[in-house]
Amino acid sequence: MIALTEFDRLEASALWRPEGDTQRVEVIVSVGEATLTLSDIKGRVLTHWSLPAVIRVSPPANALSPLPPHLTPMNRSKSTMN
C-alpha cells in the first residue's frame, strides 16, 4: 500500500446501492486512515466501514461491501481478498 502523506482524506463521487435491488444513490466516498465513509451530497453520513473489513464483491467491477458478520478480517479466505 502506498502512503499518501500529503492528504488527510481522499474523496470521490460514486453510486451506492444500500440493499439488494434498491435504487442506486449518488454518494461521496471518503477514505480516511482506518475507515471508508459514504455520505449523501448534503454531507450526511449514510454508513461507514472499517477498511480491514471491506471486500470487493463483484469482479471485475469496483463493487465493495463490508464483510459478512460471520467473517472477520483474520479468517476470511484468500479468494475474498483478491
N, C-alpha and C. Protein backbone atom coordinates (compact mmCIF):
# COMPACT_ATOMS: atom_id res chain seq x y z
N MET A 1 0.84 -1.17 0.00
CA MET A 1 0.00 0.00 0.00
C MET A 1 0.89 1.24 0.00
N ILE A 2 0.48 2.26 -0.73
CA ILE A 2 1.25 3.49 -0.83
C ILE A 2 0.70 4.50 0.16
N ALA A 3 1.56 5.09 0.95
CA ALA A 3 1.15 6.13 1.90
C ALA A 3 1.11 7.47 1.19
N LEU A 4 -0.01 8.15 1.28
CA LEU A 4 -0.16 9.47 0.69
C LEU A 4 -0.13 10.48 1.82
N THR A 5 1.05 10.88 2.23
CA THR A 5 1.21 11.71 3.42
C THR A 5 0.71 13.14 3.26
N GLU A 6 0.57 13.61 2.04
CA GLU A 6 0.13 14.99 1.85
C GLU A 6 -1.39 15.16 1.94
N PHE A 7 -2.13 14.07 2.10
CA PHE A 7 -3.59 14.12 2.18
C PHE A 7 -4.09 13.66 3.55
N ASP A 8 -5.08 14.36 4.09
CA ASP A 8 -5.75 13.89 5.30
C ASP A 8 -6.80 12.86 4.96
N ARG A 9 -7.42 13.04 3.78
CA ARG A 9 -8.52 12.16 3.36
C ARG A 9 -8.65 12.24 1.85
N LEU A 10 -9.05 11.13 1.25
CA LEU A 10 -9.32 11.08 -0.19
C LEU A 10 -10.83 10.97 -0.37
N GLU A 11 -11.37 11.70 -1.35
CA GLU A 11 -12.82 11.65 -1.61
C GLU A 11 -13.08 11.48 -3.10
N ALA A 12 -14.21 10.82 -3.40
CA ALA A 12 -14.65 10.65 -4.79
C ALA A 12 -16.16 10.47 -4.79
N SER A 13 -16.79 10.78 -5.90
CA SER A 13 -18.22 10.51 -6.03
C SER A 13 -18.40 9.08 -6.52
N ALA A 14 -19.52 8.48 -6.16
CA ALA A 14 -19.79 7.09 -6.54
C ALA A 14 -21.28 6.83 -6.47
N LEU A 15 -21.68 5.66 -6.93
CA LEU A 15 -23.06 5.20 -6.79
C LEU A 15 -23.07 4.08 -5.77
N TRP A 16 -24.04 4.11 -4.87
CA TRP A 16 -24.14 3.13 -3.78
C TRP A 16 -25.53 2.53 -3.77
N ARG A 17 -25.60 1.23 -3.62
CA ARG A 17 -26.87 0.53 -3.51
C ARG A 17 -26.95 0.03 -2.07
N PRO A 18 -27.78 0.68 -1.23
CA PRO A 18 -27.85 0.32 0.20
C PRO A 18 -28.21 -1.15 0.45
N GLU A 19 -29.11 -1.71 -0.34
CA GLU A 19 -29.52 -3.10 -0.15
C GLU A 19 -29.89 -3.71 -1.49
N GLY A 20 -29.62 -5.00 -1.64
CA GLY A 20 -30.03 -5.81 -2.78
C GLY A 20 -30.42 -5.09 -4.04
N ASP A 21 -31.72 -4.99 -4.30
CA ASP A 21 -32.22 -4.43 -5.55
C ASP A 21 -32.72 -2.99 -5.42
N THR A 22 -32.35 -2.30 -4.36
CA THR A 22 -32.79 -0.92 -4.20
C THR A 22 -32.12 -0.03 -5.23
N GLN A 23 -32.70 1.14 -5.45
CA GLN A 23 -32.14 2.07 -6.42
C GLN A 23 -30.79 2.60 -5.94
N ARG A 24 -29.87 2.78 -6.87
CA ARG A 24 -28.57 3.34 -6.51
C ARG A 24 -28.70 4.81 -6.14
N VAL A 25 -27.83 5.24 -5.23
CA VAL A 25 -27.84 6.61 -4.72
C VAL A 25 -26.47 7.22 -4.97
N GLU A 26 -26.43 8.49 -5.40
CA GLU A 26 -25.14 9.15 -5.56
C GLU A 26 -24.59 9.50 -4.19
N VAL A 27 -23.33 9.15 -3.94
CA VAL A 27 -22.69 9.39 -2.64
C VAL A 27 -21.29 9.96 -2.84
N ILE A 28 -20.76 10.47 -1.75
CA ILE A 28 -19.35 10.86 -1.68
C ILE A 28 -18.65 9.80 -0.84
N VAL A 29 -17.62 9.19 -1.39
CA VAL A 29 -16.84 8.18 -0.67
C VAL A 29 -15.60 8.88 -0.12
N SER A 30 -15.43 8.81 1.20
CA SER A 30 -14.26 9.39 1.86
C SER A 30 -13.43 8.27 2.46
N VAL A 31 -12.15 8.25 2.12
CA VAL A 31 -11.25 7.24 2.67
C VAL A 31 -10.34 7.94 3.66
N GLY A 32 -10.48 7.56 4.93
CA GLY A 32 -9.63 8.11 5.99
C GLY A 32 -8.52 7.15 6.33
N GLU A 33 -7.91 7.34 7.50
CA GLU A 33 -6.81 6.47 7.92
C GLU A 33 -7.26 5.03 8.13
N ALA A 34 -8.47 4.84 8.69
CA ALA A 34 -8.91 3.49 9.02
C ALA A 34 -10.34 3.20 8.59
N THR A 35 -11.03 4.17 7.98
CA THR A 35 -12.43 3.96 7.62
C THR A 35 -12.74 4.45 6.23
N LEU A 36 -13.81 3.90 5.68
CA LEU A 36 -14.39 4.33 4.41
C LEU A 36 -15.78 4.83 4.77
N THR A 37 -16.08 6.09 4.46
CA THR A 37 -17.35 6.70 4.83
C THR A 37 -18.12 7.06 3.57
N LEU A 38 -19.42 6.74 3.55
CA LEU A 38 -20.31 7.13 2.46
C LEU A 38 -21.26 8.20 2.98
N SER A 39 -21.29 9.34 2.29
CA SER A 39 -22.15 10.45 2.67
C SER A 39 -23.01 10.85 1.49
N ASP A 40 -24.19 11.43 1.78
CA ASP A 40 -25.01 11.94 0.68
C ASP A 40 -24.42 13.27 0.22
N ILE A 41 -24.97 13.84 -0.84
CA ILE A 41 -24.38 15.05 -1.41
C ILE A 41 -24.53 16.27 -0.49
N LYS A 42 -25.37 16.16 0.54
CA LYS A 42 -25.52 17.23 1.52
C LYS A 42 -24.55 17.06 2.69
N GLY A 43 -23.74 15.99 2.66
CA GLY A 43 -22.74 15.78 3.70
C GLY A 43 -23.18 14.91 4.86
N ARG A 44 -24.42 14.37 4.81
CA ARG A 44 -24.90 13.50 5.90
C ARG A 44 -24.32 12.11 5.72
N VAL A 45 -23.72 11.58 6.78
CA VAL A 45 -23.12 10.24 6.72
C VAL A 45 -24.21 9.19 6.61
N LEU A 46 -24.09 8.32 5.60
CA LEU A 46 -25.06 7.24 5.39
C LEU A 46 -24.58 5.95 6.02
N THR A 47 -23.28 5.69 5.94
CA THR A 47 -22.68 4.50 6.55
C THR A 47 -21.18 4.69 6.60
N HIS A 48 -20.53 3.91 7.43
CA HIS A 48 -19.06 3.89 7.43
C HIS A 48 -18.60 2.49 7.75
N TRP A 49 -17.47 2.13 7.13
CA TRP A 49 -16.92 0.78 7.27
C TRP A 49 -15.46 0.88 7.68
N SER A 50 -15.02 -0.08 8.45
CA SER A 50 -13.60 -0.22 8.77
C SER A 50 -12.89 -0.72 7.52
N LEU A 51 -11.78 -0.11 7.15
CA LEU A 51 -11.06 -0.53 5.94
C LEU A 51 -10.66 -2.00 5.94
N PRO A 52 -10.18 -2.57 7.06
CA PRO A 52 -9.83 -4.00 7.02
C PRO A 52 -11.04 -4.92 6.78
N ALA A 53 -12.24 -4.40 6.99
CA ALA A 53 -13.44 -5.21 6.83
C ALA A 53 -14.11 -5.03 5.47
N VAL A 54 -13.48 -4.32 4.54
CA VAL A 54 -14.07 -4.08 3.22
C VAL A 54 -13.54 -5.12 2.24
N ILE A 55 -14.45 -5.69 1.45
CA ILE A 55 -14.07 -6.66 0.42
C ILE A 55 -14.65 -6.25 -0.92
N ARG A 56 -14.02 -6.67 -2.01
CA ARG A 56 -14.57 -6.48 -3.35
C ARG A 56 -15.51 -7.65 -3.62
N VAL A 57 -16.75 -7.37 -4.04
CA VAL A 57 -17.75 -8.43 -4.15
C VAL A 57 -18.14 -8.81 -5.56
N SER A 58 -17.80 -8.03 -6.56
CA SER A 58 -18.25 -8.40 -7.90
C SER A 58 -17.22 -8.05 -8.96
N PRO A 59 -16.10 -8.77 -8.96
CA PRO A 59 -15.11 -8.50 -10.01
C PRO A 59 -15.72 -8.73 -11.39
N PRO A 60 -15.37 -8.03 -12.41
CA PRO A 60 -14.30 -7.04 -12.45
C PRO A 60 -14.75 -5.64 -12.05
N ALA A 61 -16.02 -5.44 -11.73
CA ALA A 61 -16.49 -4.12 -11.31
C ALA A 61 -15.87 -3.74 -9.98
N ASN A 62 -15.89 -2.47 -9.67
CA ASN A 62 -15.34 -2.00 -8.41
C ASN A 62 -16.43 -1.90 -7.36
N ALA A 63 -17.10 -3.00 -7.09
CA ALA A 63 -18.14 -3.04 -6.07
C ALA A 63 -17.53 -3.50 -4.75
N LEU A 64 -17.78 -2.75 -3.70
CA LEU A 64 -17.24 -3.06 -2.38
C LEU A 64 -18.37 -3.31 -1.40
N SER A 65 -18.06 -4.03 -0.33
CA SER A 65 -19.04 -4.34 0.70
C SER A 65 -18.30 -4.59 2.01
N PRO A 66 -18.98 -4.33 3.13
CA PRO A 66 -18.36 -4.75 4.39
C PRO A 66 -18.41 -6.27 4.46
N LEU A 67 -17.52 -6.85 5.25
CA LEU A 67 -17.52 -8.31 5.42
C LEU A 67 -18.83 -8.78 6.01
N PRO A 68 -19.32 -9.95 5.59
CA PRO A 68 -20.49 -10.52 6.25
C PRO A 68 -20.18 -10.76 7.73
N PRO A 69 -21.20 -10.71 8.60
CA PRO A 69 -20.96 -10.84 10.04
C PRO A 69 -20.22 -12.10 10.46
N HIS A 70 -20.37 -13.21 9.72
CA HIS A 70 -19.73 -14.46 10.13
C HIS A 70 -18.24 -14.52 9.78
N LEU A 71 -17.74 -13.51 9.06
CA LEU A 71 -16.32 -13.47 8.73
C LEU A 71 -15.64 -12.33 9.48
N THR A 72 -14.39 -12.49 9.76
CA THR A 72 -13.58 -11.42 10.32
C THR A 72 -12.39 -11.22 9.42
N PRO A 73 -11.69 -10.08 9.50
CA PRO A 73 -10.52 -9.90 8.66
C PRO A 73 -9.47 -10.99 8.86
N MET A 74 -9.44 -11.63 10.01
CA MET A 74 -8.44 -12.65 10.28
C MET A 74 -8.78 -14.01 9.66
N ASN A 75 -10.05 -14.32 9.44
CA ASN A 75 -10.36 -15.67 8.95
C ASN A 75 -11.00 -15.70 7.56
N ARG A 76 -11.05 -14.58 6.86
CA ARG A 76 -11.62 -14.63 5.51
C ARG A 76 -10.67 -15.35 4.57
N SER A 77 -11.23 -15.97 3.58
CA SER A 77 -10.42 -16.76 2.66
C SER A 77 -9.63 -15.86 1.72
N LYS A 78 -8.59 -16.41 1.13
CA LYS A 78 -7.78 -15.63 0.19
C LYS A 78 -8.58 -15.22 -1.03
N SER A 79 -9.61 -15.99 -1.38
CA SER A 79 -10.42 -15.65 -2.57
C SER A 79 -11.18 -14.34 -2.38
N THR A 80 -11.56 -13.97 -1.14
CA THR A 80 -12.27 -12.72 -0.93
C THR A 80 -11.31 -11.54 -0.85
N MET A 81 -10.03 -11.81 -0.71
CA MET A 81 -9.07 -10.74 -0.58
C MET A 81 -8.49 -10.29 -1.92
N ASN A 82 -8.81 -10.96 -3.00
CA ASN A 82 -8.27 -10.59 -4.32
C ASN A 82 -9.04 -9.47 -4.94
